[in-house]
PDB file of N, CA and C in Angstrom:
ATOM      1  N   GLU A   1       5.415  15.704  -3.708  1.00  0.00           N
ATOM      2  CA  GLU A   1       6.710  16.290  -3.929  1.00  0.00           C
ATOM      3  C   GLU A   1       7.812  15.257  -3.740  1.00  0.00           C
ATOM      4  N   HIS A   2       7.692  14.419  -2.686  1.00  0.00           N
ATOM      5  CA  HIS A   2       8.678  13.347  -2.504  1.00  0.00           C
ATOM      6  C   HIS A   2       8.585  12.350  -3.650  1.00  0.00           C
ATOM      7  N   TYR A   3       7.361  12.082  -4.073  1.00  0.00           N
ATOM      8  CA  TYR A   3       7.175  11.092  -5.133  1.00  0.00           C
ATOM      9  C   TYR A   3       7.849  11.535  -6.421  1.00  0.00           C
ATOM     10  N   ARG A   4       7.752  12.799  -6.731  1.00  0.00           N
ATOM     11  CA  ARG A   4       8.378  13.321  -7.948  1.00  0.00           C
ATOM     12  C   ARG A   4       9.897  13.159  -7.873  1.00  0.00           C
ATOM     13  N   ALA A   5      10.464  13.442  -6.706  1.00  0.00           N
ATOM     14  CA  ALA A   5      11.907  13.280  -6.526  1.00  0.00           C
ATOM     15  C   ALA A   5      12.301  11.811  -6.609  1.00  0.00           C
ATOM     16  N   LEU A   6      11.472  10.929  -6.042  1.00  0.00           N
ATOM     17  CA  LEU A   6      11.772   9.496  -6.088  1.00  0.00           C
ATOM     18  C   LEU A   6      11.754   8.974  -7.517  1.00  0.00           C
ATOM     19  N   VAL A   7      10.720   9.312  -8.247  1.00  0.00           N
ATOM     20  CA  VAL A   7      10.612   8.838  -9.626  1.00  0.00           C
ATOM     21  C   VAL A   7      11.739   9.424 -10.472  1.00  0.00           C
ATOM     22  N   GLY A   8      12.093  10.670 -10.225  1.00  0.00           N
ATOM     23  CA  GLY A   8      13.185  11.289 -10.959  1.00  0.00           C
ATOM     24  C   GLY A   8      14.538  10.651 -10.675  1.00  0.00           C
ATOM     25  N   SER A   9      14.682  10.027  -9.513  1.00  0.00           N
ATOM     26  CA  SER A   9      15.935   9.373  -9.135  1.00  0.00           C
ATOM     27  C   SER A   9      16.040   7.938  -9.648  1.00  0.00           C
ATOM     28  N   MET A  10      14.957   7.435 -10.197  1.00  0.00           N
ATOM     29  CA  MET A  10      14.964   6.061 -10.724  1.00  0.00           C
ATOM     30  C   MET A  10      15.593   6.032 -12.115  1.00  0.00           C
ATOM     31  N   THR A  11      16.180   4.903 -12.449  1.00  0.00           N
ATOM     32  CA  THR A  11      16.706   4.719 -13.798  1.00  0.00           C
ATOM     33  C   THR A  11      15.530   4.462 -14.741  1.00  0.00           C
ATOM     34  N   PRO A  12      15.704   4.665 -16.037  1.00  0.00           N
ATOM     35  CA  PRO A  12      14.630   4.354 -16.983  1.00  0.00           C
ATOM     36  C   PRO A  12      14.174   2.893 -16.875  1.00  0.00           C
ATOM     37  N   GLU A  13      15.105   1.994 -16.623  1.00  0.00           N
ATOM     38  CA  GLU A  13      14.743   0.577 -16.474  1.00  0.00           C
ATOM     39  C   GLU A  13      13.852   0.364 -15.257  1.00  0.00           C
ATOM     40  N   GLU A  14      14.141   1.038 -14.154  1.00  0.00           N
ATOM     41  CA  GLU A  14      13.338   0.893 -12.936  1.00  0.00           C
ATOM     42  C   GLU A  14      11.939   1.465 -13.131  1.00  0.00           C
ATOM     43  N   ARG A  15      11.848   2.554 -13.879  1.00  0.00           N
ATOM     44  CA  ARG A  15      10.521   3.121 -14.145  1.00  0.00           C
ATOM     45  C   ARG A  15       9.717   2.236 -15.087  1.00  0.00           C
ATOM     46  N   ALA A  16      10.393   1.600 -16.044  1.00  0.00           N
ATOM     47  CA  ALA A  16       9.706   0.769 -17.035  1.00  0.00           C
ATOM     48  C   ALA A  16       9.345  -0.617 -16.492  1.00  0.00           C
ATOM     49  N   THR A  17      10.090  -1.084 -15.487  1.00  0.00           N
ATOM     50  CA  THR A  17       9.883  -2.434 -14.953  1.00  0.00           C
ATOM     51  C   THR A  17       9.721  -2.355 -13.438  1.00  0.00           C
ATOM     52  N   PRO A  18       8.522  -2.036 -12.956  1.00  0.00           N
ATOM     53  CA  PRO A  18       8.313  -1.868 -11.513  1.00  0.00           C
ATOM     54  C   PRO A  18       8.591  -3.121 -10.682  1.00  0.00           C
ATOM     55  N   ASN A  19       8.513  -4.291 -11.297  1.00  0.00           N
ATOM     56  CA  ASN A  19       8.756  -5.513 -10.527  1.00  0.00           C
ATOM     57  C   ASN A  19      10.183  -5.607 -10.005  1.00  0.00           C
ATOM     58  N   LEU A  20      11.097  -4.823 -10.557  1.00  0.00           N
ATOM     59  CA  LEU A  20      12.468  -4.797 -10.040  1.00  0.00           C
ATOM     60  C   LEU A  20      12.489  -4.364  -8.573  1.00  0.00           C
ATOM     61  N   TRP A  21      11.522  -3.558  -8.180  1.00  0.00           N
ATOM     62  CA  TRP A  21      11.470  -3.044  -6.812  1.00  0.00           C
ATOM     63  C   TRP A  21      10.996  -4.084  -5.806  1.00  0.00           C
ATOM     64  N   PHE A  22      10.431  -5.177  -6.302  1.00  0.00           N
ATOM     65  CA  PHE A  22       9.865  -6.171  -5.402  1.00  0.00           C
ATOM     66  C   PHE A  22      10.638  -7.479  -5.442  1.00  0.00           C
ATOM     67  N   ALA A  23      11.866  -7.434  -5.943  1.00  0.00           N
ATOM     68  CA  ALA A  23      12.715  -8.625  -5.995  1.00  0.00           C
ATOM     69  C   ALA A  23      13.097  -9.035  -4.579  1.00  0.00           C
ATOM     70  N   THR A  24      13.271 -10.324  -4.369  1.00  0.00           N
ATOM     71  CA  THR A  24      13.597 -10.842  -3.035  1.00  0.00           C
ATOM     72  C   THR A  24      15.067 -11.233  -2.903  1.00  0.00           C
ATOM     73  N   ASP A  25      15.866 -10.927  -3.903  1.00  0.00           N
ATOM     74  CA  ASP A  25      17.270 -11.343  -3.869  1.00  0.00           C
ATOM     75  C   ASP A  25      18.204 -10.268  -3.306  1.00  0.00           C
ATOM     76  N   GLY A  26      17.681  -9.213  -2.733  1.00  0.00           N
ATOM     77  CA  GLY A  26      18.503  -8.164  -2.141  1.00  0.00           C
ATOM     78  C   GLY A  26      18.738  -6.974  -3.046  1.00  0.00           C
ATOM     79  N   THR A  27      18.475  -7.118  -4.336  1.00  0.00           N
ATOM     80  CA  THR A  27      18.704  -6.003  -5.254  1.00  0.00           C
ATOM     81  C   THR A  27      17.721  -4.861  -5.020  1.00  0.00           C
ATOM     82  N   ALA A  28      16.516  -5.189  -4.580  1.00  0.00           N
ATOM     83  CA  ALA A  28      15.518  -4.148  -4.325  1.00  0.00           C
ATOM     84  C   ALA A  28      15.981  -3.250  -3.177  1.00  0.00           C
ATOM     85  N   GLU A  29      16.586  -3.835  -2.170  1.00  0.00           N
ATOM     86  CA  GLU A  29      17.081  -3.056  -1.031  1.00  0.00           C
ATOM     87  C   GLU A  29      18.182  -2.095  -1.476  1.00  0.00           C
ATOM     88  N   VAL A  30      19.070  -2.571  -2.337  1.00  0.00           N
ATOM     89  CA  VAL A  30      20.141  -1.717  -2.871  1.00  0.00           C
ATOM     90  C   VAL A  30      19.541  -0.564  -3.673  1.00  0.00           C
ATOM     91  N   ARG A  31      18.533  -0.864  -4.483  1.00  0.00           N
ATOM     92  CA  ARG A  31      17.866   0.171  -5.277  1.00  0.00           C
ATOM     93  C   ARG A  31      17.225   1.211  -4.362  1.00  0.00           C
ATOM     94  N   MET A  32      16.554   0.733  -3.318  1.00  0.00           N
ATOM     95  CA  MET A  32      15.887   1.658  -2.401  1.00  0.00           C
ATOM     96  C   MET A  32      16.895   2.573  -1.706  1.00  0.00           C
ATOM     97  N   ASN A  33      18.016   2.018  -1.295  1.00  0.00           N
ATOM     98  CA  ASN A  33      19.050   2.840  -0.654  1.00  0.00           C
ATOM     99  C   ASN A  33      19.596   3.894  -1.615  1.00  0.00           C
ATOM    100  N   ARG A  34      19.842   3.495  -2.859  1.00  0.00           N
ATOM    101  CA  ARG A  34      20.376   4.432  -3.846  1.00  0.00           C
ATOM    102  C   ARG A  34      19.385   5.550  -4.140  1.00  0.00           C
ATOM    103  N   VAL A  35      18.131   5.183  -4.372  1.00  0.00           N
ATOM    104  CA  VAL A  35      17.116   6.185  -4.715  1.00  0.00           C
ATOM    105  C   VAL A  35      16.843   7.111  -3.529  1.00  0.00           C
ATOM    106  N   SER A  36      16.808   6.575  -2.317  1.00  0.00           N
ATOM    107  CA  SER A  36      16.564   7.445  -1.161  1.00  0.00           C
ATOM    108  C   SER A  36      17.702   8.446  -0.996  1.00  0.00           C
ATOM    109  N   ALA A  37      18.928   8.017  -1.268  1.00  0.00           N
ATOM    110  CA  ALA A  37      20.071   8.936  -1.176  1.00  0.00           C
ATOM    111  C   ALA A  37      20.016   9.994  -2.279  1.00  0.00           C
ATOM    112  N   GLU A  38      19.737   9.576  -3.506  1.00  0.00           N
ATOM    113  CA  GLU A  38      19.682  10.523  -4.630  1.00  0.00           C
ATOM    114  C   GLU A  38      18.530  11.514  -4.492  1.00  0.00           C
ATOM    115  N   ALA A  39      17.398  11.047  -3.967  1.00  0.00           N
ATOM    116  CA  ALA A  39      16.228  11.915  -3.844  1.00  0.00           C
ATOM    117  C   ALA A  39      16.229  12.702  -2.536  1.00  0.00           C
ATOM    118  N   ALA A  40      17.198  12.417  -1.670  1.00  0.00           N
ATOM    119  CA  ALA A  40      17.314  13.081  -0.362  1.00  0.00           C
ATOM    120  C   ALA A  40      16.056  12.897   0.480  1.00  0.00           C
ATOM    121  N   VAL A  41      15.580  11.645   0.539  1.00  0.00           N
ATOM    122  CA  VAL A  41      14.425  11.300   1.370  1.00  0.00           C
ATOM    123  C   VAL A  41      14.805  10.111   2.252  1.00  0.00           C
ATOM    124  N   ASN A  42      13.993   9.860   3.255  1.00  0.00           N
ATOM    125  CA  ASN A  42      14.218   8.726   4.144  1.00  0.00           C
ATOM    126  C   ASN A  42      13.927   7.414   3.427  1.00  0.00           C
ATOM    127  N   HIS A  43      14.539   6.368   3.934  1.00  0.00           N
ATOM    128  CA  HIS A  43      14.278   5.022   3.412  1.00  0.00           C
ATOM    129  C   HIS A  43      12.798   4.681   3.581  1.00  0.00           C
ATOM    130  N   ALA A  44      12.208   5.134   4.686  1.00  0.00           N
ATOM    131  CA  ALA A  44      10.784   4.874   4.943  1.00  0.00           C
ATOM    132  C   ALA A  44       9.904   5.532   3.881  1.00  0.00           C
ATOM    133  N   ASP A  45      10.315   6.684   3.366  1.00  0.00           N
ATOM    134  CA  ASP A  45       9.543   7.344   2.307  1.00  0.00           C
ATOM    135  C   ASP A  45       9.532   6.517   1.028  1.00  0.00           C
ATOM    136  N   VAL A  46      10.658   5.884   0.733  1.00  0.00           N
ATOM    137  CA  VAL A  46      10.734   5.015  -0.448  1.00  0.00           C
ATOM    138  C   VAL A  46       9.823   3.803  -0.245  1.00  0.00           C
ATOM    139  N   GLU A  47       9.869   3.220   0.952  1.00  0.00           N
ATOM    140  CA  GLU A  47       9.008   2.074   1.231  1.00  0.00           C
ATOM    141  C   GLU A  47       7.537   2.450   1.128  1.00  0.00           C
ATOM    142  N   GLN A  48       7.162   3.640   1.632  1.00  0.00           N
ATOM    143  CA  GLN A  48       5.776   4.090   1.545  1.00  0.00           C
ATOM    144  C   GLN A  48       5.365   4.317   0.097  1.00  0.00           C
ATOM    145  N   PHE A  49       6.251   4.891  -0.691  1.00  0.00           N
ATOM    146  CA  PHE A  49       5.983   5.096  -2.114  1.00  0.00           C
ATOM    147  C   PHE A  49       5.712   3.761  -2.799  1.00  0.00           C
ATOM    148  N   LEU A  50       6.543   2.769  -2.522  1.00  0.00           N
ATOM    149  CA  LEU A  50       6.367   1.455  -3.148  1.00  0.00           C
ATOM    150  C   LEU A  50       5.094   0.773  -2.677  1.00  0.00           C
ATOM    151  N   LEU A  51       4.759   0.950  -1.405  1.00  0.00           N
ATOM    152  CA  LEU A  51       3.503   0.392  -0.897  1.00  0.00           C
ATOM    153  C   LEU A  51       2.312   1.052  -1.580  1.00  0.00           C
ATOM    154  N   ASP A  52       2.347   2.376  -1.688  1.00  0.00           N
ATOM    155  CA  ASP A  52       1.264   3.092  -2.373  1.00  0.00           C
ATOM    156  C   ASP A  52       1.145   2.645  -3.826  1.00  0.00           C
ATOM    157  N   PHE A  53       2.287   2.471  -4.482  1.00  0.00           N
ATOM    158  CA  PHE A  53       2.279   2.014  -5.868  1.00  0.00           C
ATOM    159  C   PHE A  53       1.642   0.633  -5.974  1.00  0.00           C
ATOM    160  N   ARG A  54       2.039  -0.278  -5.103  1.00  0.00           N
ATOM    161  CA  ARG A  54       1.518  -1.645  -5.140  1.00  0.00           C
ATOM    162  C   ARG A  54       0.007  -1.659  -4.905  1.00  0.00           C
ATOM    163  N   VAL A  55      -0.457  -0.878  -3.929  1.00  0.00           N
ATOM    164  CA  VAL A  55      -1.894  -0.815  -3.634  1.00  0.00           C
ATOM    165  C   VAL A  55      -2.659  -0.225  -4.816  1.00  0.00           C
ATOM    166  N   MET A  56      -2.117   0.842  -5.401  1.00  0.00           N
ATOM    167  CA  MET A  56      -2.796   1.483  -6.535  1.00  0.00           C
ATOM    168  C   MET A  56      -2.857   0.542  -7.733  1.00  0.00           C
ATOM    169  N   ARG A  57      -1.769  -0.172  -7.994  1.00  0.00           N
ATOM    170  CA  ARG A  57      -1.756  -1.112  -9.116  1.00  0.00           C
ATOM    171  C   ARG A  57      -2.786  -2.218  -8.901  1.00  0.00           C
ATOM    172  N   GLU A  58      -2.874  -2.709  -7.668  1.00  0.00           N
ATOM    173  CA  GLU A  58      -3.855  -3.755  -7.356  1.00  0.00           C
ATOM    174  C   GLU A  58      -5.279  -3.220  -7.509  1.00  0.00           C
ATOM    175  N   MET A  59      -5.526  -2.009  -7.016  1.00  0.00           N
ATOM    176  CA  MET A  59      -6.863  -1.414  -7.130  1.00  0.00           C
ATOM    177  C   MET A  59      -7.273  -1.231  -8.590  1.00  0.00           C
ATOM    178  N   LEU A  60      -6.386  -0.672  -9.388  1.00  0.00           N
ATOM    179  CA  LEU A  60      -6.714  -0.432 -10.789  1.00  0.00           C
ATOM    180  C   LEU A  60      -6.944  -1.737 -11.538  1.00  0.00           C
ATOM    181  N   GLY A  61      -6.184  -2.766 -11.199  1.00  0.00           N
ATOM    182  CA  GLY A  61      -6.392  -4.072 -11.818  1.00  0.00           C
ATOM    183  C   GLY A  61      -7.760  -4.641 -11.497  1.00  0.00           C
ATOM    184  N   LYS A  62      -8.176  -4.495 -10.238  1.00  0.00           N
ATOM    185  CA  LYS A  62      -9.491  -5.004  -9.842  1.00  0.00           C
ATOM    186  C   LYS A  62     -10.622  -4.199 -10.466  1.00  0.00           C
ATOM    187  N   LEU A  63     -10.442  -2.878 -10.535  1.00  0.00           N
ATOM    188  CA  LEU A  63     -11.459  -2.055 -11.185  1.00  0.00           C
ATOM    189  C   LEU A  63     -11.577  -2.417 -12.664  1.00  0.00           C
ATOM    190  N   ALA A  64     -10.441  -2.661 -13.307  1.00  0.00           N
ATOM    191  CA  ALA A  64     -10.450  -3.025 -14.722  1.00  0.00           C
ATOM    192  C   ALA A  64     -11.099  -4.377 -14.957  1.00  0.00           C
ATOM    193  N   SER A  65     -11.055  -5.254 -13.961  1.00  0.00           N
ATOM    194  CA  SER A  65     -11.644  -6.584 -14.134  1.00  0.00           C
ATOM    195  C   SER A  65     -13.111  -6.627 -13.729  1.00  0.00           C
ATOM    196  N   GLY A  66     -13.697  -5.449 -13.411  1.00  0.00           N
ATOM    197  CA  GLY A  66     -15.126  -5.407 -13.197  1.00  0.00           C
ATOM    198  C   GLY A  66     -15.579  -5.197 -11.764  1.00  0.00           C
ATOM    199  N   TRP A  67     -14.687  -5.060 -10.827  1.00  0.00           N
ATOM    200  CA  TRP A  67     -15.104  -4.793  -9.455  1.00  0.00           C
ATOM    201  C   TRP A  67     -15.687  -3.396  -9.372  1.00  0.00           C
ATOM    202  N   SER A  68     -16.683  -3.205  -8.509  1.00  0.00           N
ATOM    203  CA  SER A  68     -17.206  -1.863  -8.284  1.00  0.00           C
ATOM    204  C   SER A  68     -16.330  -1.171  -7.245  1.00  0.00           C
ATOM    205  N   MET A  69     -16.336   0.142  -7.248  1.00  0.00           N
ATOM    206  CA  MET A  69     -15.531   0.904  -6.296  1.00  0.00           C
ATOM    207  C   MET A  69     -15.999   0.634  -4.862  1.00  0.00           C
ATOM    208  N   ASP A  70     -17.305   0.496  -4.659  1.00  0.00           N
ATOM    209  CA  ASP A  70     -17.821   0.204  -3.320  1.00  0.00           C
ATOM    210  C   ASP A  70     -17.324  -1.142  -2.821  1.00  0.00           C
ATOM    211  N   GLU A  71     -17.388  -2.149  -3.672  1.00  0.00           N
ATOM    212  CA  GLU A  71     -16.932  -3.486  -3.302  1.00  0.00           C
ATOM    213  C   GLU A  71     -15.437  -3.466  -2.982  1.00  0.00           C
ATOM    214  N   LEU A  72     -14.681  -2.780  -3.794  1.00  0.00           N
ATOM    215  CA  LEU A  72     -13.238  -2.692  -3.600  1.00  0.00           C
ATOM    216  C   LEU A  72     -12.913  -1.977  -2.292  1.00  0.00           C
ATOM    217  N   THR A  73     -13.599  -0.886  -2.020  1.00  0.00           N
ATOM    218  CA  THR A  73     -13.373  -0.133  -0.786  1.00  0.00           C
ATOM    219  C   THR A  73     -13.703  -0.977   0.434  1.00  0.00           C
ATOM    220  N   ARG A  74     -14.825  -1.698   0.392  1.00  0.00           N
ATOM    221  CA  ARG A  74     -15.206  -2.569   1.517  1.00  0.00           C
ATOM    222  C   ARG A  74     -14.155  -3.639   1.768  1.00  0.00           C
ATOM    223  N   LYS A  75     -13.699  -4.280   0.698  1.00  0.00           N
ATOM    224  CA  LYS A  75     -12.702  -5.345   0.840  1.00  0.00           C
ATOM    225  C   LYS A  75     -11.387  -4.796   1.389  1.00  0.00           C
ATOM    226  N   MET A  76     -11.005  -3.600   0.942  1.00  0.00           N
ATOM    227  CA  MET A  76      -9.765  -3.007   1.441  1.00  0.00           C
ATOM    228  C   MET A  76      -9.883  -2.636   2.922  1.00  0.00           C
ATOM    229  N   MET A  77     -11.029  -2.112   3.324  1.00  0.00           N
ATOM    230  CA  MET A  77     -11.233  -1.785   4.735  1.00  0.00           C
ATOM    231  C   MET A  77     -11.166  -3.040   5.589  1.00  0.00           C
ATOM    232  N   LEU A  78     -11.775  -4.100   5.107  1.00  0.00           N
ATOM    233  CA  LEU A  78     -11.765  -5.357   5.840  1.00  0.00           C
ATOM    234  C   LEU A  78     -10.355  -5.921   5.933  1.00  0.00           C
ATOM    235  N   ALA A  79      -9.613  -5.858   4.844  1.00  0.00           N
ATOM    236  CA  ALA A  79      -8.234  -6.356   4.853  1.00  0.00           C
ATOM    237  C   ALA A  79      -7.378  -5.543   5.813  1.00  0.00           C
ATOM    238  N   ARG A  80      -7.552  -4.236   5.826  1.00  0.00           N
ATOM    239  CA  ARG A  80      -6.783  -3.385   6.745  1.00  0.00           C
ATOM    240  C   ARG A  80      -7.145  -3.708   8.194  1.00  0.00           C
ATOM    241  N   ALA A  81      -8.427  -3.892   8.462  1.00  0.00           N
ATOM    242  CA  ALA A  81      -8.851  -4.227   9.821  1.00  0.00           C
ATOM    243  C   ALA A  81      -8.293  -5.581  10.247  1.00  0.00           C
ATOM    244  N   GLU A  82      -8.276  -6.544   9.329  1.00  0.00           N
ATOM    245  CA  GLU A  82      -7.721  -7.854   9.661  1.00  0.00           C
ATOM    246  C   GLU A  82      -6.220  -7.773   9.926  1.00  0.00           C
ATOM    247  N   ASP A  83      -5.509  -6.941   9.177  1.00  0.00           N
ATOM    248  CA  ASP A  83      -4.075  -6.750   9.421  1.00  0.00           C
ATOM    249  C   ASP A  83      -3.839  -6.144  10.800  1.00  0.00           C
ATOM    250  N   GLU A  84      -4.636  -5.161  11.150  1.00  0.00           N
ATOM    251  CA  GLU A  84      -4.483  -4.528  12.456  1.00  0.00           C
ATOM    252  C   GLU A  84      -4.880  -5.491  13.574  1.00  0.00           C
ATOM    253  N   PHE A  85      -5.788  -6.391  13.282  1.00  0.00           N
ATOM    254  CA  PHE A  85      -6.196  -7.391  14.270  1.00  0.00           C
ATOM    255  C   PHE A  85      -5.003  -8.257  14.662  1.00  0.00           C
ATOM    256  N   ARG A  86      -4.152  -8.571  13.686  1.00  0.00           N
ATOM    257  CA  ARG A  86      -2.988  -9.407  13.966  1.00  0.00           C
ATOM    258  C   ARG A  86      -1.954  -8.683  14.809  1.00  0.00           C
ATOM    259  N   THR A  87      -1.862  -7.365  14.673  1.00  0.00           N
ATOM    260  CA  THR A  87      -0.817  -6.623  15.384  1.00  0.00           C
ATOM    261  C   THR A  87      -1.274  -6.080  16.730  1.00  0.00           C
ATOM    262  N   ALA A  88      -2.508  -5.690  16.857  1.00  0.00           N
ATOM    263  CA  ALA A  88      -3.029  -5.147  18.114  1.00  0.00           C
ATOM    264  C   ALA A  88      -4.394  -5.762  18.373  1.00  0.00           C
ATOM    265  N   PRO A  89      -4.456  -6.896  19.057  1.00  0.00           N
ATOM    266  CA  PRO A  89      -5.695  -7.659  19.161  1.00  0.00           C
ATOM    267  C   PRO A  89      -6.938  -6.873  19.571  1.00  0.00           C
ATOM    268  N   ARG A  90      -6.878  -6.123  20.646  1.00  0.00           N
ATOM    269  CA  ARG A  90      -8.092  -5.457  21.092  1.00  0.00           C
ATOM    270  C   ARG A  90      -8.514  -4.357  20.120  1.00  0.00           C
ATOM    271  N   ALA A  91      -7.578  -3.509  19.747  1.00  0.00           N
ATOM    272  CA  ALA A  91      -7.890  -2.435  18.803  1.00  0.00           C
ATOM    273  C   ALA A  91      -8.303  -3.018  17.457  1.00  0.00           C
ATOM    274  N   GLY A  92      -7.649  -4.089  17.055  1.00  0.00           N
ATOM    275  CA  GLY A  92      -7.985  -4.732  15.791  1.00  0.00           C
ATOM    276  C   GLY A  92      -9.378  -5.317  15.789  1.00  0.00           C
ATOM    277  N   ARG A  93      -9.745  -5.947  16.886  1.00  0.00           N
ATOM    278  CA  ARG A  93     -11.098  -6.510  16.969  1.00  0.00           C
ATOM    279  C   ARG A  93     -12.147  -5.410  16.858  1.00  0.00           C
ATOM    280  N   ARG A  94     -11.875  -4.292  17.509  1.00  0.00           N
ATOM    281  CA  ARG A  94     -12.829  -3.173  17.445  1.00  0.00           C
ATOM    282  C   ARG A  94     -12.953  -2.635  16.028  1.00  0.00           C
ATOM    283  N   LYS A  95     -11.809  -2.466  15.347  1.00  0.00           N
ATOM    284  CA  LYS A  95     -11.851  -1.950  13.982  1.00  0.00           C
ATOM    285  C   LYS A  95     -12.504  -2.951  13.030  1.00  0.00           C
ATOM    286  N   LEU A  96     -12.234  -4.225  13.228  1.00  0.00           N
ATOM    287  CA  LEU A  96     -12.849  -5.240  12.390  1.00  0.00           C
ATOM    288  C   LEU A  96     -14.353  -5.243  12.594  1.00  0.00           C
ATOM    289  N   LYS A  97     -14.781  -5.162  13.842  1.00  0.00           N
ATOM    290  CA  LYS A  97     -16.209  -5.126  14.140  1.00  0.00           C
ATOM    291  C   LYS A  97     -16.853  -3.889  13.510  1.00  0.00           C
ATOM    292  N   LYS A  98     -16.175  -2.758  13.629  1.00  0.00           N
ATOM    293  CA  LYS A  98     -16.693  -1.511  13.069  1.00  0.00           C
ATOM    294  C   LYS A  98     -16.788  -1.590  11.548  1.00  0.00           C
ATOM    295  N   ALA A  99     -15.792  -2.192  10.912  1.00  0.00           N
ATOM    296  CA  ALA A  99     -15.774  -2.281   9.447  1.00  0.00           C
ATOM    297  C   ALA A  99     -16.830  -3.235   8.928  1.00  0.00           C
ATOM    298  N   THR A 100     -17.135  -4.269   9.690  1.00  0.00           N
ATOM    299  CA  THR A 100     -18.080  -5.266   9.192  1.00  0.00           C
ATOM    300  C   THR A 100     -19.515  -4.999   9.630  1.00  0.00           C
ATOM    301  N   ARG A 101     -19.704  -4.335  10.766  1.00  0.00           N
ATOM    302  CA  ARG A 101     -21.057  -4.125  11.256  1.00  0.00           C
ATOM    303  C   ARG A 101     -21.461  -2.670  11.436  1.00  0.00           C
ATOM    304  N   GLY A 102     -20.527  -1.772  11.368  1.00  0.00           N
ATOM    305  CA  GLY A 102     -20.855  -0.368  11.588  1.00  0.00           C
ATOM    306  C   GLY A 102     -20.614   0.024  13.027  1.00  0.00           C
ATOM    307  N   GLU A 103     -20.765   1.309  13.300  1.00  0.00           N
ATOM    308  CA  GLU A 103     -20.513   1.816  14.643  1.00  0.00           C
ATOM    309  C   GLU A 103     -21.650   1.461  15.572  1.00  0.00           C
ATOM    310  N   LYS A 104     -21.320   1.357  16.849  1.00  0.00           N
ATOM    311  CA  LYS A 104     -22.310   1.061  17.868  1.00  0.00           C
ATOM    312  C   LYS A 104     -23.357   2.179  17.888  1.00  0.00           C
ATOM    313  N   GLY A 105     -24.607   1.786  17.883  1.00  0.00           N
ATOM    314  CA  GLY A 105     -25.679   2.756  17.930  1.00  0.00           C
ATOM    315  C   GLY A 105     -26.079   3.355  16.610  1.00  0.00           C
ATOM    316  N   SER A 106     -25.416   2.933  15.527  1.00  0.00           N
ATOM    317  CA  SER A 106     -25.744   3.533  14.220  1.00  0.00           C
ATOM    318  C   SER A 106     -26.899   2.808  13.547  1.00  0.00           C
ATOM    319  N   GLY A 107     -27.289   1.674  14.108  1.00  0.00           N
ATOM    320  CA  GLY A 107     -28.384   0.933  13.511  1.00  0.00           C
ATOM    321  C   GLY A 107     -27.931  -0.061  12.470  1.00  0.00           C
ATOM    322  N   ASN A 108     -26.670  -0.119  12.140  1.00  0.00           N
ATOM    323  CA  ASN A 108     -26.124  -1.063  11.166  1.00  0.00           C
ATOM    324  C   ASN A 108     -25.585  -2.279  11.887  1.00  0.00           C
ATOM    325  N   LYS A 109     -26.333  -3.339  11.895  1.00  0.00           N
ATOM    326  CA  LYS A 109     -25.876  -4.551  12.585  1.00  0.00           C
ATOM    327  C   LYS A 109     -25.777  -5.699  11.652  1.00  0.00           C
TER     328      LYS A 109
END
């Protein structure tokens, strides 16, 4: 429901050219503020929408280039665990270990 409001608040140019949202010159921030105000959602909701879009675009690109869904899922889990490792060392190490070797006692080592 938020996504529909966000997309509806975008200009035709923004919908046709998604890279406008990832510009580093400050224009993307202005766009996000405008769309969040027009769609009556939080700035964080716009950021989450853009993150979801970026992840989905990357996934579809990899699937189109021949990656299997299992391989893609494994790589994404590993990348997420590695990101969490950088932010919360102990919890991250546990998640990384779990993602690469399985749960303790499950027989997957």
